[in-house]
Amino acid sequence: MKYFDNILRYSKFVNKSSSFYFYTLIFCVLFFVVFGIIPLGISIFEKIKVINEINTTLTALDTKEKSLIKAKQELEDVKRYLLYLDIYMPVEMNVDDYLVALDSAISAKGFFLRRVSTDNKIDNNALSISLNLDGYGDLKELVKGIEELQRSTSISSVDINTIKNRQSINLVLQIFSR
């Protein structure tokens, strides 16, 4: 009987303690999942996003590097022409030199310069110059003379008034710089 009492006492103890161990085990598993596995998973997904962004950036950098190498090669190809670019499109506006060359071209075609004005506003590296000319020359030759100037010039508008074979011309030109 003594053994039987010991067995009963032991089985009651095991039943009470096993529920304690069971709940402790559940608590530990939940604690491990909530504070271990979930943060680890979130961290892994964030790192995957960062890795994908880095791969995208590296791909973009590779394409930019290739285009830069191509641009350097193109620059080397056109470097010999840059001297001429300063003549046709200088770095600074330098309107004074342009007006001297323009006046000589206008005078050579039978016109004289009456008035020059500008708005002093440079838009997209272009400056507008308004000219008032008088003379008996040929308009086609005048336009050809202006186009033959070394500096790149664009004629925006032409207004012609003719009185007794004398032409009064209003021109709006644009000159460019880099």
N, C-alpha and C. Protein backbone atom coordinates (compact mmCIF):
# COMPACT_ATOMS: atom_id res chain seq x y z
N MET A 1 0.81 -1.17 0.00
CA MET A 1 0.00 0.00 0.00
C MET A 1 0.88 1.27 0.00
N LYS A 2 1.95 1.12 0.64
CA LYS A 2 2.87 2.23 0.72
C LYS A 2 3.34 2.62 -0.69
N TYR A 3 3.56 1.66 -1.47
CA TYR A 3 3.98 1.96 -2.85
C TYR A 3 2.85 2.59 -3.65
N PHE A 4 1.68 2.09 -3.40
CA PHE A 4 0.52 2.61 -4.13
C PHE A 4 0.29 4.08 -3.79
N ASP A 5 0.44 4.46 -2.53
CA ASP A 5 0.29 5.86 -2.13
C ASP A 5 1.37 6.72 -2.80
N ASN A 6 2.54 6.17 -2.85
CA ASN A 6 3.62 6.91 -3.52
C ASN A 6 3.31 7.10 -5.01
N ILE A 7 2.78 6.09 -5.64
CA ILE A 7 2.44 6.19 -7.06
C ILE A 7 1.33 7.21 -7.27
N LEU A 8 0.31 7.19 -6.42
CA LEU A 8 -0.78 8.15 -6.52
C LEU A 8 -0.27 9.58 -6.32
N ARG A 9 0.54 9.77 -5.28
CA ARG A 9 1.09 11.09 -5.02
C ARG A 9 1.94 11.56 -6.22
N TYR A 10 2.71 10.68 -6.79
CA TYR A 10 3.55 11.01 -7.93
C TYR A 10 2.70 11.36 -9.15
N SER A 11 1.64 10.60 -9.43
CA SER A 11 0.78 10.88 -10.58
C SER A 11 0.06 12.21 -10.42
N LYS A 12 -0.37 12.55 -9.20
CA LYS A 12 -0.99 13.86 -8.96
C LYS A 12 0.03 14.97 -9.18
N PHE A 13 1.24 14.75 -8.71
CA PHE A 13 2.30 15.75 -8.89
C PHE A 13 2.62 15.94 -10.37
N VAL A 14 2.69 14.82 -11.10
CA VAL A 14 2.99 14.88 -12.53
C VAL A 14 1.86 15.59 -13.26
N ASN A 15 0.63 15.33 -12.94
CA ASN A 15 -0.50 15.99 -13.60
C ASN A 15 -0.48 17.49 -13.35
N LYS A 16 -0.19 17.90 -12.07
CA LYS A 16 -0.14 19.32 -11.76
C LYS A 16 1.07 19.97 -12.41
N SER A 17 2.21 19.34 -12.33
CA SER A 17 3.42 19.95 -12.86
C SER A 17 3.44 19.91 -14.39
N SER A 18 2.84 18.90 -15.01
CA SER A 18 2.84 18.85 -16.47
C SER A 18 2.04 20.00 -17.06
N SER A 19 0.96 20.40 -16.43
CA SER A 19 0.23 21.55 -16.95
C SER A 19 1.07 22.82 -16.80
N PHE A 20 1.83 22.91 -15.72
CA PHE A 20 2.73 24.05 -15.54
C PHE A 20 3.78 24.07 -16.65
N TYR A 21 4.37 22.91 -16.91
CA TYR A 21 5.38 22.82 -17.96
C TYR A 21 4.78 23.08 -19.34
N PHE A 22 3.57 22.58 -19.53
CA PHE A 22 2.90 22.80 -20.82
C PHE A 22 2.68 24.29 -21.06
N TYR A 23 2.17 25.00 -20.08
CA TYR A 23 1.92 26.44 -20.24
C TYR A 23 3.22 27.23 -20.33
N THR A 24 4.22 26.77 -19.63
CA THR A 24 5.53 27.41 -19.73
C THR A 24 6.10 27.21 -21.14
N LEU A 25 5.95 26.04 -21.68
CA LEU A 25 6.41 25.75 -23.03
C LEU A 25 5.68 26.62 -24.06
N ILE A 26 4.35 26.73 -23.93
CA ILE A 26 3.56 27.56 -24.85
C ILE A 26 4.01 29.02 -24.75
N PHE A 27 4.21 29.50 -23.53
CA PHE A 27 4.67 30.87 -23.32
C PHE A 27 6.03 31.10 -23.97
N CYS A 28 6.93 30.17 -23.77
CA CYS A 28 8.27 30.30 -24.36
C CYS A 28 8.23 30.29 -25.88
N VAL A 29 7.42 29.42 -26.45
CA VAL A 29 7.30 29.36 -27.91
C VAL A 29 6.72 30.66 -28.43
N LEU A 30 5.65 31.16 -27.81
CA LEU A 30 5.05 32.43 -28.24
C LEU A 30 6.05 33.58 -28.08
N PHE A 31 6.75 33.59 -26.96
CA PHE A 31 7.75 34.62 -26.72
C PHE A 31 8.83 34.59 -27.80
N PHE A 32 9.29 33.40 -28.14
CA PHE A 32 10.30 33.22 -29.17
C PHE A 32 9.78 33.66 -30.54
N VAL A 33 8.51 33.33 -30.85
CA VAL A 33 7.93 33.72 -32.14
C VAL A 33 7.77 35.24 -32.21
N VAL A 34 7.17 35.82 -31.15
CA VAL A 34 6.87 37.25 -31.18
C VAL A 34 8.13 38.10 -31.14
N PHE A 35 9.08 37.76 -30.29
CA PHE A 35 10.25 38.59 -30.13
C PHE A 35 11.48 38.07 -30.87
N GLY A 36 11.37 36.97 -31.54
CA GLY A 36 12.52 36.42 -32.25
C GLY A 36 12.30 36.26 -33.73
N ILE A 37 11.34 35.44 -34.10
CA ILE A 37 11.13 35.10 -35.51
C ILE A 37 10.52 36.25 -36.29
N ILE A 38 9.50 36.92 -35.74
CA ILE A 38 8.84 38.02 -36.47
C ILE A 38 9.81 39.17 -36.73
N PRO A 39 10.55 39.68 -35.73
CA PRO A 39 11.52 40.74 -36.04
C PRO A 39 12.60 40.28 -37.02
N LEU A 40 13.01 39.04 -36.92
CA LEU A 40 13.99 38.51 -37.85
C LEU A 40 13.44 38.52 -39.27
N GLY A 41 12.19 38.10 -39.43
CA GLY A 41 11.56 38.10 -40.76
C GLY A 41 11.43 39.51 -41.32
N ILE A 42 11.01 40.46 -40.46
CA ILE A 42 10.90 41.86 -40.90
C ILE A 42 12.27 42.38 -41.32
N SER A 43 13.28 42.09 -40.54
CA SER A 43 14.64 42.53 -40.87
C SER A 43 15.11 41.93 -42.19
N ILE A 44 14.81 40.68 -42.41
CA ILE A 44 15.21 40.02 -43.67
C ILE A 44 14.52 40.67 -44.86
N PHE A 45 13.20 40.95 -44.74
CA PHE A 45 12.48 41.58 -45.85
C PHE A 45 12.99 42.99 -46.13
N GLU A 46 13.34 43.75 -45.07
CA GLU A 46 13.91 45.08 -45.27
C GLU A 46 15.26 44.99 -45.97
N LYS A 47 16.06 44.01 -45.60
CA LYS A 47 17.37 43.84 -46.23
C LYS A 47 17.21 43.42 -47.69
N ILE A 48 16.20 42.62 -47.99
CA ILE A 48 15.94 42.23 -49.38
C ILE A 48 15.58 43.46 -50.20
N LYS A 49 14.76 44.37 -49.63
CA LYS A 49 14.42 45.61 -50.34
C LYS A 49 15.66 46.45 -50.61
N VAL A 50 16.52 46.57 -49.60
CA VAL A 50 17.74 47.35 -49.76
C VAL A 50 18.64 46.72 -50.82
N ILE A 51 18.75 45.41 -50.81
CA ILE A 51 19.57 44.72 -51.82
C ILE A 51 19.01 44.96 -53.22
N ASN A 52 17.68 44.92 -53.38
CA ASN A 52 17.08 45.19 -54.69
C ASN A 52 17.33 46.62 -55.13
N GLU A 53 17.24 47.59 -54.20
CA GLU A 53 17.54 48.98 -54.53
C GLU A 53 19.00 49.15 -54.94
N ILE A 54 19.88 48.48 -54.23
CA ILE A 54 21.30 48.55 -54.58
C ILE A 54 21.55 47.96 -55.97
N ASN A 55 20.91 46.83 -56.27
CA ASN A 55 21.06 46.24 -57.60
C ASN A 55 20.54 47.17 -58.68
N THR A 56 19.40 47.83 -58.44
CA THR A 56 18.85 48.79 -59.40
C THR A 56 19.81 49.97 -59.59
N THR A 57 20.35 50.46 -58.49
CA THR A 57 21.29 51.58 -58.56
C THR A 57 22.56 51.18 -59.29
N LEU A 58 23.05 50.00 -59.02
CA LEU A 58 24.25 49.52 -59.72
C LEU A 58 24.01 49.39 -61.22
N THR A 59 22.84 48.90 -61.60
CA THR A 59 22.51 48.80 -63.02
C THR A 59 22.47 50.18 -63.66
N ALA A 60 21.85 51.14 -62.96
CA ALA A 60 21.79 52.51 -63.49
C ALA A 60 23.19 53.11 -63.59
N LEU A 61 24.01 52.87 -62.59
CA LEU A 61 25.38 53.38 -62.63
C LEU A 61 26.18 52.76 -63.77
N ASP A 62 25.97 51.49 -64.03
CA ASP A 62 26.66 50.83 -65.15
C ASP A 62 26.28 51.47 -66.47
N THR A 63 24.97 51.72 -66.66
CA THR A 63 24.55 52.35 -67.92
C THR A 63 25.09 53.77 -68.03
N LYS A 64 25.11 54.50 -66.90
CA LYS A 64 25.66 55.87 -66.94
C LYS A 64 27.17 55.84 -67.20
N GLU A 65 27.85 54.85 -66.66
CA GLU A 65 29.28 54.74 -66.91
C GLU A 65 29.54 54.47 -68.39
N LYS A 66 28.74 53.61 -68.99
CA LYS A 66 28.90 53.32 -70.42
C LYS A 66 28.62 54.56 -71.25
N SER A 67 27.58 55.32 -70.88
CA SER A 67 27.28 56.54 -71.64
C SER A 67 28.37 57.59 -71.43
N LEU A 68 28.97 57.64 -70.24
CA LEU A 68 30.07 58.56 -69.98
C LEU A 68 31.29 58.20 -70.81
N ILE A 69 31.59 56.93 -70.90
CA ILE A 69 32.73 56.49 -71.72
C ILE A 69 32.47 56.86 -73.19
N LYS A 70 31.22 56.66 -73.64
CA LYS A 70 30.87 57.02 -75.02
C LYS A 70 30.98 58.52 -75.22
N ALA A 71 30.54 59.31 -74.23
CA ALA A 71 30.61 60.77 -74.33
C ALA A 71 32.07 61.25 -74.37
N LYS A 72 32.93 60.61 -73.57
CA LYS A 72 34.35 60.96 -73.60
C LYS A 72 34.95 60.69 -74.97
N GLN A 73 34.57 59.58 -75.57
CA GLN A 73 35.08 59.24 -76.89
C GLN A 73 34.57 60.24 -77.93
N GLU A 74 33.30 60.63 -77.82
CA GLU A 74 32.75 61.62 -78.75
C GLU A 74 33.43 62.97 -78.57
N LEU A 75 33.74 63.32 -77.31
CA LEU A 75 34.45 64.57 -77.04
C LEU A 75 35.82 64.57 -77.70
N GLU A 76 36.51 63.46 -77.59
CA GLU A 76 37.81 63.35 -78.24
C GLU A 76 37.69 63.50 -79.76
N ASP A 77 36.60 62.96 -80.31
CA ASP A 77 36.39 63.06 -81.76
C ASP A 77 36.14 64.49 -82.22
N VAL A 78 35.44 65.29 -81.39
CA VAL A 78 35.08 66.65 -81.82
C VAL A 78 35.98 67.73 -81.22
N LYS A 79 36.96 67.33 -80.44
CA LYS A 79 37.82 68.31 -79.79
C LYS A 79 38.54 69.23 -80.79
N ARG A 80 38.87 68.71 -81.92
CA ARG A 80 39.58 69.53 -82.91
C ARG A 80 38.69 70.62 -83.51
N TYR A 81 37.37 70.46 -83.38
CA TYR A 81 36.44 71.46 -83.91
C TYR A 81 36.06 72.53 -82.90
N LEU A 82 36.46 72.37 -81.65
CA LEU A 82 36.09 73.32 -80.61
C LEU A 82 36.67 74.70 -80.85
N LEU A 83 37.81 74.78 -81.51
CA LEU A 83 38.38 76.08 -81.85
C LEU A 83 37.42 76.88 -82.72
N TYR A 84 36.80 76.21 -83.66
CA TYR A 84 35.87 76.89 -84.55
C TYR A 84 34.57 77.27 -83.83
N LEU A 85 34.22 76.53 -82.82
CA LEU A 85 33.02 76.82 -82.07
C LEU A 85 33.13 78.18 -81.38
N ASP A 86 34.32 78.53 -80.91
CA ASP A 86 34.50 79.84 -80.28
C ASP A 86 34.27 80.97 -81.28
N ILE A 87 34.54 80.73 -82.53
CA ILE A 87 34.31 81.76 -83.54
C ILE A 87 32.81 81.91 -83.82
N TYR A 88 32.13 80.80 -84.02
CA TYR A 88 30.72 80.85 -84.40
C TYR A 88 29.77 81.07 -83.21
N MET A 89 30.18 80.59 -82.04
CA MET A 89 29.34 80.74 -80.85
C MET A 89 30.26 80.90 -79.64
N PRO A 90 30.68 82.14 -79.36
CA PRO A 90 31.63 82.35 -78.27
C PRO A 90 31.01 82.11 -76.89
N VAL A 91 31.88 82.03 -75.90
CA VAL A 91 31.43 81.78 -74.54
C VAL A 91 30.67 82.99 -73.99
N GLU A 92 31.16 84.19 -74.28
CA GLU A 92 30.50 85.42 -73.84
C GLU A 92 29.79 86.06 -75.03
N MET A 93 28.78 86.89 -74.75
CA MET A 93 28.01 87.52 -75.82
C MET A 93 28.89 88.40 -76.70
N ASN A 94 29.73 89.27 -76.12
CA ASN A 94 30.65 90.13 -76.86
C ASN A 94 29.93 90.84 -78.01
N VAL A 95 28.91 91.60 -77.66
CA VAL A 95 28.05 92.28 -78.64
C VAL A 95 28.82 93.34 -79.41
N ASP A 96 29.77 94.01 -78.77
CA ASP A 96 30.51 95.09 -79.44
C ASP A 96 31.20 94.62 -80.70
N ASP A 97 31.95 93.54 -80.61
CA ASP A 97 32.66 93.01 -81.78
C ASP A 97 31.67 92.57 -82.86
N TYR A 98 30.56 91.99 -82.42
CA TYR A 98 29.55 91.54 -83.38
C TYR A 98 28.96 92.73 -84.13
N LEU A 99 28.65 93.82 -83.41
CA LEU A 99 28.06 94.99 -84.06
C LEU A 99 29.03 95.64 -85.06
N VAL A 100 30.32 95.62 -84.77
CA VAL A 100 31.31 96.16 -85.71
C VAL A 100 31.30 95.33 -86.99
N ALA A 101 31.31 94.00 -86.85
CA ALA A 101 31.28 93.12 -88.04
C ALA A 101 29.95 93.27 -88.78
N LEU A 102 28.85 93.41 -88.04
CA LEU A 102 27.53 93.56 -88.66
C LEU A 102 27.44 94.88 -89.42
N ASP A 103 27.96 95.96 -88.86
CA ASP A 103 27.92 97.27 -89.53
C ASP A 103 28.72 97.24 -90.82
N SER A 104 29.85 96.57 -90.78
CA SER A 104 30.65 96.50 -92.01
C SER A 104 29.94 95.67 -93.08
N ALA A 105 29.24 94.59 -92.69
CA ALA A 105 28.48 93.78 -93.66
C ALA A 105 27.30 94.57 -94.21
N ILE A 106 26.64 95.33 -93.36
CA ILE A 106 25.49 96.14 -93.80
C ILE A 106 25.96 97.23 -94.76
N SER A 107 27.06 97.91 -94.43
CA SER A 107 27.59 98.98 -95.28
C SER A 107 28.04 98.44 -96.63
N ALA A 108 28.60 97.24 -96.65
CA ALA A 108 29.07 96.66 -97.90
C ALA A 108 27.92 96.32 -98.84
N LYS A 109 26.70 96.17 -98.32
CA LYS A 109 25.55 95.81 -99.15
C LYS A 109 24.68 97.02 -99.51
N GLY A 110 25.15 98.25 -99.22
CA GLY A 110 24.44 99.46 -99.64
C GLY A 110 23.45 100.00 -98.63
N PHE A 111 23.57 99.63 -97.38
CA PHE A 111 22.68 100.13 -96.33
C PHE A 111 23.51 100.80 -95.25
N PHE A 112 22.85 101.66 -94.47
CA PHE A 112 23.53 102.20 -93.30
C PHE A 112 22.63 102.02 -92.08
N LEU A 113 23.29 101.88 -90.97
CA LEU A 113 22.63 101.56 -89.71
C LEU A 113 22.16 102.86 -89.07
N ARG A 114 20.85 102.96 -88.83
CA ARG A 114 20.31 104.16 -88.19
C ARG A 114 20.16 103.98 -86.68
N ARG A 115 19.68 102.82 -86.27
CA ARG A 115 19.41 102.62 -84.84
C ARG A 115 19.64 101.15 -84.49
N VAL A 116 20.21 100.95 -83.31
CA VAL A 116 20.40 99.61 -82.76
C VAL A 116 19.83 99.61 -81.34
N SER A 117 19.05 98.60 -81.04
CA SER A 117 18.54 98.47 -79.66
C SER A 117 18.47 96.99 -79.30
N THR A 118 18.53 96.77 -78.00
CA THR A 118 18.43 95.40 -77.50
C THR A 118 17.67 95.44 -76.18
N ASP A 119 17.09 94.33 -75.83
CA ASP A 119 16.35 94.28 -74.57
C ASP A 119 17.23 93.86 -73.40
N ASN A 120 18.51 93.59 -73.67
CA ASN A 120 19.49 93.17 -72.65
C ASN A 120 19.03 91.97 -71.84
N LYS A 121 18.14 91.19 -72.40
CA LYS A 121 17.67 89.98 -71.72
C LYS A 121 18.13 88.78 -72.53
N ILE A 122 18.92 87.94 -71.90
CA ILE A 122 19.47 86.76 -72.58
C ILE A 122 18.62 85.56 -72.20
N ASP A 123 17.92 85.00 -73.19
CA ASP A 123 17.09 83.81 -72.99
C ASP A 123 17.70 82.65 -73.75
N ASN A 124 17.96 81.56 -73.05
CA ASN A 124 18.54 80.35 -73.66
C ASN A 124 19.80 80.68 -74.45
N ASN A 125 20.66 81.50 -73.85
CA ASN A 125 21.93 81.91 -74.46
C ASN A 125 21.74 82.64 -75.79
N ALA A 126 20.61 83.32 -75.96
CA ALA A 126 20.35 84.10 -77.16
C ALA A 126 19.98 85.52 -76.76
N LEU A 127 20.50 86.49 -77.52
CA LEU A 127 20.22 87.90 -77.28
C LEU A 127 19.57 88.47 -78.54
N SER A 128 18.44 89.16 -78.36
CA SER A 128 17.75 89.78 -79.50
C SER A 128 18.27 91.19 -79.70
N ILE A 129 18.52 91.52 -80.96
CA ILE A 129 19.00 92.85 -81.34
C ILE A 129 18.07 93.38 -82.42
N SER A 130 17.53 94.59 -82.20
CA SER A 130 16.66 95.23 -83.20
C SER A 130 17.49 96.26 -83.96
N LEU A 131 17.38 96.23 -85.29
CA LEU A 131 18.14 97.14 -86.15
C LEU A 131 17.18 97.93 -87.03
N ASN A 132 17.51 99.20 -87.26
CA ASN A 132 16.78 100.02 -88.22
C ASN A 132 17.78 100.45 -89.28
N LEU A 133 17.54 100.05 -90.52
CA LEU A 133 18.47 100.29 -91.61
C LEU A 133 17.80 101.15 -92.68
N ASP A 134 18.59 101.94 -93.37
CA ASP A 134 18.14 102.69 -94.55
C ASP A 134 19.15 102.45 -95.66
N GLY A 135 18.66 102.49 -96.90
CA GLY A 135 19.59 102.37 -98.01
C GLY A 135 18.91 101.96 -99.30
N TYR A 136 19.74 101.84 -100.33
CA TYR A 136 19.26 101.52 -101.67
C TYR A 136 19.73 100.14 -102.13
N GLY A 137 20.29 99.35 -101.24
CA GLY A 137 20.85 98.05 -101.63
C GLY A 137 19.78 96.99 -101.84
N ASP A 138 20.26 95.81 -102.17
CA ASP A 138 19.39 94.67 -102.42
C ASP A 138 19.18 93.90 -101.11
N LEU A 139 17.91 93.62 -100.79
CA LEU A 139 17.59 92.95 -99.54
C LEU A 139 18.17 91.53 -99.49
N LYS A 140 18.14 90.82 -100.63
CA LYS A 140 18.70 89.47 -100.66
C LYS A 140 20.19 89.49 -100.33
N GLU A 141 20.89 90.47 -100.89
CA GLU A 141 22.32 90.59 -100.62
C GLU A 141 22.58 90.95 -99.15
N LEU A 142 21.69 91.76 -98.57
CA LEU A 142 21.83 92.12 -97.17
C LEU A 142 21.69 90.88 -96.28
N VAL A 143 20.66 90.09 -96.55
CA VAL A 143 20.44 88.88 -95.76
C VAL A 143 21.61 87.92 -95.95
N LYS A 144 22.09 87.80 -97.18
CA LYS A 144 23.23 86.93 -97.45
C LYS A 144 24.47 87.42 -96.69
N GLY A 145 24.69 88.74 -96.65
CA GLY A 145 25.83 89.31 -95.92
C GLY A 145 25.73 89.03 -94.42
N ILE A 146 24.51 89.13 -93.88
CA ILE A 146 24.34 88.84 -92.45
C ILE A 146 24.57 87.36 -92.18
N GLU A 147 24.08 86.51 -93.05
CA GLU A 147 24.26 85.07 -92.87
C GLU A 147 25.72 84.66 -93.00
N GLU A 148 26.51 85.41 -93.76
CA GLU A 148 27.91 85.07 -93.95
C GLU A 148 28.81 85.54 -92.81
N LEU A 149 28.25 86.24 -91.86
CA LEU A 149 29.05 86.64 -90.70
C LEU A 149 29.55 85.39 -89.98
N GLN A 150 30.71 85.50 -89.35
CA GLN A 150 31.27 84.32 -88.68
C GLN A 150 30.41 83.90 -87.50
N ARG A 151 29.81 84.83 -86.83
CA ARG A 151 29.00 84.54 -85.64
C ARG A 151 27.65 83.99 -86.07
N SER A 152 27.15 82.98 -85.38
CA SER A 152 25.84 82.41 -85.68
C SER A 152 24.77 83.46 -85.41
N THR A 153 23.97 83.74 -86.43
CA THR A 153 22.94 84.77 -86.34
C THR A 153 21.65 84.22 -86.90
N SER A 154 20.57 84.52 -86.23
CA SER A 154 19.24 84.11 -86.69
C SER A 154 18.42 85.38 -86.90
N ILE A 155 17.82 85.50 -88.08
CA ILE A 155 16.96 86.65 -88.37
C ILE A 155 15.55 86.27 -87.96
N SER A 156 15.03 86.95 -86.93
CA SER A 156 13.71 86.63 -86.40
C SER A 156 12.59 87.28 -87.20
N SER A 157 12.78 88.55 -87.57
CA SER A 157 11.73 89.22 -88.33
C SER A 157 12.33 90.30 -89.21
N VAL A 158 11.64 90.58 -90.31
CA VAL A 158 12.04 91.61 -91.27
C VAL A 158 10.80 92.43 -91.61
N ASP A 159 10.93 93.75 -91.51
CA ASP A 159 9.85 94.66 -91.88
C ASP A 159 10.42 95.68 -92.85
N ILE A 160 9.84 95.78 -94.06
CA ILE A 160 10.39 96.63 -95.11
C ILE A 160 9.38 97.70 -95.50
N ASN A 161 9.85 98.95 -95.55
CA ASN A 161 9.06 100.07 -96.09
C ASN A 161 9.88 100.69 -97.21
N THR A 162 9.28 100.87 -98.37
CA THR A 162 9.99 101.44 -99.51
C THR A 162 9.37 102.79 -99.86
N ILE A 163 10.22 103.83 -99.89
CA ILE A 163 9.78 105.18 -100.27
C ILE A 163 10.77 105.69 -101.32
N LYS A 164 10.27 105.88 -102.56
CA LYS A 164 11.10 106.37 -103.67
C LYS A 164 12.39 105.57 -103.82
N ASN A 165 12.29 104.29 -103.95
CA ASN A 165 13.41 103.35 -104.13
C ASN A 165 14.35 103.26 -102.93
N ARG A 166 14.03 103.97 -101.91
CA ARG A 166 14.85 103.89 -100.69
C ARG A 166 14.13 102.98 -99.71
N GLN A 167 14.86 102.02 -99.19
CA GLN A 167 14.25 101.04 -98.29
C GLN A 167 14.58 101.38 -96.84
N SER A 168 13.55 101.30 -96.01
CA SER A 168 13.72 101.40 -94.57
C SER A 168 13.39 100.01 -94.01
N ILE A 169 14.37 99.39 -93.41
CA ILE A 169 14.22 97.99 -92.99
C ILE A 169 14.38 97.90 -91.47
N ASN A 170 13.46 97.21 -90.87
CA ASN A 170 13.57 96.89 -89.44
C ASN A 170 13.85 95.39 -89.33
N LEU A 171 14.97 95.06 -88.73
CA LEU A 171 15.36 93.65 -88.56
C LEU A 171 15.45 93.33 -87.07
N VAL A 172 15.05 92.13 -86.74
CA VAL A 172 15.27 91.61 -85.39
C VAL A 172 16.15 90.37 -85.54
N LEU A 173 17.34 90.44 -84.97
CA LEU A 173 18.31 89.36 -85.06
C LEU A 173 18.49 88.72 -83.68
N GLN A 174 18.92 87.50 -83.70
CA GLN A 174 19.32 86.83 -82.46
C GLN A 174 20.74 86.33 -82.64
N ILE A 175 21.56 86.64 -81.62
CA ILE A 175 22.91 86.10 -81.60
C ILE A 175 23.02 85.18 -80.40
N PHE A 176 23.91 84.22 -80.49
CA PHE A 176 23.96 83.15 -79.49
C PHE A 176 25.34 83.07 -78.84
N SER A 177 25.35 82.55 -77.65
CA SER A 177 26.60 82.25 -76.96
C SER A 177 26.44 80.88 -76.28
N ARG A 178 27.56 80.36 -75.79
CA ARG A 178 27.50 79.06 -75.12
C ARG A 178 27.23 79.20 -73.66
